[in-house]
């Protein structure tokens, strides 16, 4: 799993800022008793990107998408695959 520092460094390189708040928000449920590693199902999808934009502004959309793509690739997803729409779609895809 890409670490927080990796996501921030990648954002700094690609977007000019680390966007710590976006990465913290996306991974808020990581390590919690209820979700643990399966936290990605909560916000790592198109609906999560829209929430990030509503919370942090339009620039957060591409930052969140890049974070999610980096994480999805670790699970075997490729850019030719369907991008998850929401939590149910994420789970249906077997990515949880």
C-alpha atoms as a PDB file:
ATOM      1  CA  UNK A   1       0.000   0.000   0.000  1.00  0.00           C
ATOM      2  CA  UNK A   2       1.445   3.385  -0.907  1.00  0.00           C
ATOM      3  CA  UNK A   3       2.195   5.246   2.266  1.00  0.00           C
ATOM      4  CA  UNK A   4       0.951   8.717   3.165  1.00  0.00           C
ATOM      5  CA  UNK A   5       4.386  10.159   2.385  1.00  0.00           C
ATOM      6  CA  UNK A   6       4.349   8.588  -1.072  1.00  0.00           C
ATOM      7  CA  UNK A   7       0.953  10.095  -1.894  1.00  0.00           C
ATOM      8  CA  UNK A   8       2.063  13.531  -0.663  1.00  0.00           C
ATOM      9  CA  UNK A   9       5.344  13.394  -2.607  1.00  0.00           C
ATOM     10  CA  UNK A  10       3.526  12.293  -5.753  1.00  0.00           C
ATOM     11  CA  UNK A  11       1.015  15.152  -5.346  1.00  0.00           C
ATOM     12  CA  UNK A  12       3.803  17.672  -4.837  1.00  0.00           C
ATOM     13  CA  UNK A  13       5.487  16.462  -8.028  1.00  0.00           C
ATOM     14  CA  UNK A  14       2.286  16.325 -10.111  1.00  0.00           C
ATOM     15  CA  UNK A  15       0.168  19.116  -8.651  1.00  0.00           C
ATOM     16  CA  UNK A  16       2.606  21.466  -6.895  1.00  0.00           C
ATOM     17  CA  UNK A  17       1.289  20.824  -3.368  1.00  0.00           C
ATOM     18  CA  UNK A  18       1.255  17.755  -1.096  1.00  0.00           C
ATOM     19  CA  UNK A  19      -2.507  17.892  -0.409  1.00  0.00           C
ATOM     20  CA  UNK A  20      -2.127  16.171   2.963  1.00  0.00           C
ATOM     21  CA  UNK A  21      -5.749  16.855   3.876  1.00  0.00           C
ATOM     22  CA  UNK A  22      -7.056  14.990   0.816  1.00  0.00           C
ATOM     23  CA  UNK A  23      -4.847  11.949   1.449  1.00  0.00           C
ATOM     24  CA  UNK A  24      -5.725  11.871   5.160  1.00  0.00           C
ATOM     25  CA  UNK A  25      -9.415  12.062   4.345  1.00  0.00           C
ATOM     26  CA  UNK A  26      -9.228   9.279   1.721  1.00  0.00           C
ATOM     27  CA  UNK A  27      -7.458   6.972   4.176  1.00  0.00           C
ATOM     28  CA  UNK A  28      -9.358   8.028   7.311  1.00  0.00           C
ATOM     29  CA  UNK A  29     -10.692   4.504   7.917  1.00  0.00           C
ATOM     30  CA  UNK A  30      -7.336   2.744   7.406  1.00  0.00           C
ATOM     31  CA  UNK A  31      -6.380   0.597  10.351  1.00  0.00           C
ATOM     32  CA  UNK A  32      -9.686   1.018  12.160  1.00  0.00           C
ATOM     33  CA  UNK A  33     -11.109  -2.118  13.772  1.00  0.00           C
ATOM     34  CA  UNK A  34     -14.099  -2.118  11.434  1.00  0.00           C
ATOM     35  CA  UNK A  35     -12.231  -1.700   8.126  1.00  0.00           C
ATOM     36  CA  UNK A  36      -8.468  -2.137   8.490  1.00  0.00           C
ATOM     37  CA  UNK A  37      -6.978  -2.600   5.031  1.00  0.00           C
ATOM     38  CA  UNK A  38     -10.474  -2.746   3.577  1.00  0.00           C
ATOM     39  CA  UNK A  39     -10.866   0.981   4.224  1.00  0.00           C
ATOM     40  CA  UNK A  40     -10.492   1.676   0.516  1.00  0.00           C
ATOM     41  CA  UNK A  41     -14.048   0.575  -0.126  1.00  0.00           C
ATOM     42  CA  UNK A  42     -15.282   3.690   1.712  1.00  0.00           C
ATOM     43  CA  UNK A  43     -13.820   6.442  -0.497  1.00  0.00           C
ATOM     44  CA  UNK A  44     -11.597   4.948  -3.202  1.00  0.00           C
ATOM     45  CA  UNK A  45     -14.082   5.329  -6.068  1.00  0.00           C
ATOM     46  CA  UNK A  46     -15.826   7.951  -8.229  1.00  0.00           C
ATOM     47  CA  UNK A  47     -18.275   8.903  -5.453  1.00  0.00           C
ATOM     48  CA  UNK A  48     -15.330   9.458  -3.117  1.00  0.00           C
ATOM     49  CA  UNK A  49     -13.715  11.760  -5.664  1.00  0.00           C
ATOM     50  CA  UNK A  50     -16.919  13.813  -5.858  1.00  0.00           C
ATOM     51  CA  UNK A  51     -16.999  14.046  -2.057  1.00  0.00           C
ATOM     52  CA  UNK A  52     -13.362  15.201  -2.025  1.00  0.00           C
ATOM     53  CA  UNK A  53     -14.197  17.949  -4.520  1.00  0.00           C
ATOM     54  CA  UNK A  54     -17.149  19.077  -2.382  1.00  0.00           C
ATOM     55  CA  UNK A  55     -14.973  19.154   0.743  1.00  0.00           C
ATOM     56  CA  UNK A  56     -11.648  20.468  -0.581  1.00  0.00           C
ATOM     57  CA  UNK A  57     -12.386  22.190  -3.880  1.00  0.00           C
ATOM     58  CA  UNK A  58     -12.092  21.348  -7.568  1.00  0.00           C
ATOM     59  CA  UNK A  59      -8.332  20.707  -7.516  1.00  0.00           C
ATOM     60  CA  UNK A  60      -8.888  17.848  -5.049  1.00  0.00           C
ATOM     61  CA  UNK A  61     -10.577  15.756  -7.737  1.00  0.00           C
ATOM     62  CA  UNK A  62      -7.434  14.953  -9.706  1.00  0.00           C
ATOM     63  CA  UNK A  63      -5.416  14.557  -6.511  1.00  0.00           C
ATOM     64  CA  UNK A  64      -7.922  12.047  -5.149  1.00  0.00           C
ATOM     65  CA  UNK A  65      -8.101  10.190  -8.471  1.00  0.00           C
ATOM     66  CA  UNK A  66      -4.289   9.841  -8.597  1.00  0.00           C
ATOM     67  CA  UNK A  67      -4.234   8.540  -4.995  1.00  0.00           C
ATOM     68  CA  UNK A  68      -6.947   6.011  -5.795  1.00  0.00           C
ATOM     69  CA  UNK A  69      -5.304   4.850  -9.026  1.00  0.00           C
ATOM     70  CA  UNK A  70      -1.999   4.301  -7.193  1.00  0.00           C
ATOM     71  CA  UNK A  71      -3.775   2.198  -4.582  1.00  0.00           C
ATOM     72  CA  UNK A  72      -5.887   0.275  -7.088  1.00  0.00           C
ATOM     73  CA  UNK A  73      -2.811  -0.692  -9.093  1.00  0.00           C
ATOM     74  CA  UNK A  74      -1.447  -2.392  -5.992  1.00  0.00           C
ATOM     75  CA  UNK A  75      -4.551  -4.583  -6.028  1.00  0.00           C
ATOM     76  CA  UNK A  76      -3.987  -5.658  -9.637  1.00  0.00           C
ATOM     77  CA  UNK A  77      -6.283  -3.102 -11.255  1.00  0.00           C
ATOM     78  CA  UNK A  78      -5.142  -1.594 -14.571  1.00  0.00           C
ATOM     79  CA  UNK A  79      -6.193   1.594 -16.297  1.00  0.00           C
ATOM     80  CA  UNK A  80      -8.005  -0.513 -18.892  1.00  0.00           C
ATOM     81  CA  UNK A  81     -10.272  -1.843 -16.119  1.00  0.00           C
ATOM     82  CA  UNK A  82     -13.539  -0.271 -15.060  1.00  0.00           C
ATOM     83  CA  UNK A  83     -13.043   2.504 -12.461  1.00  0.00           C
ATOM     84  CA  UNK A  84     -15.221   1.819  -9.393  1.00  0.00           C
ATOM     85  CA  UNK A  85     -18.315   4.041  -9.153  1.00  0.00           C
ATOM     86  CA  UNK A  86     -19.111   3.704  -5.452  1.00  0.00           C
ATOM     87  CA  UNK A  87     -18.609   1.430  -2.456  1.00  0.00           C
ATOM     88  CA  UNK A  88     -20.949  -1.291  -3.722  1.00  0.00           C
ATOM     89  CA  UNK A  89     -19.258  -1.302  -7.140  1.00  0.00           C
ATOM     90  CA  UNK A  90     -15.819  -1.421  -5.492  1.00  0.00           C
ATOM     91  CA  UNK A  91     -16.806  -4.490  -3.498  1.00  0.00           C
ATOM     92  CA  UNK A  92     -18.518  -6.094  -6.511  1.00  0.00           C
ATOM     93  CA  UNK A  93     -15.261  -5.743  -8.423  1.00  0.00           C
ATOM     94  CA  UNK A  94     -13.564  -7.771  -5.700  1.00  0.00           C
ATOM     95  CA  UNK A  95     -11.254  -4.925  -4.721  1.00  0.00           C
ATOM     96  CA  UNK A  96     -12.209  -4.606  -1.082  1.00  0.00           C
END
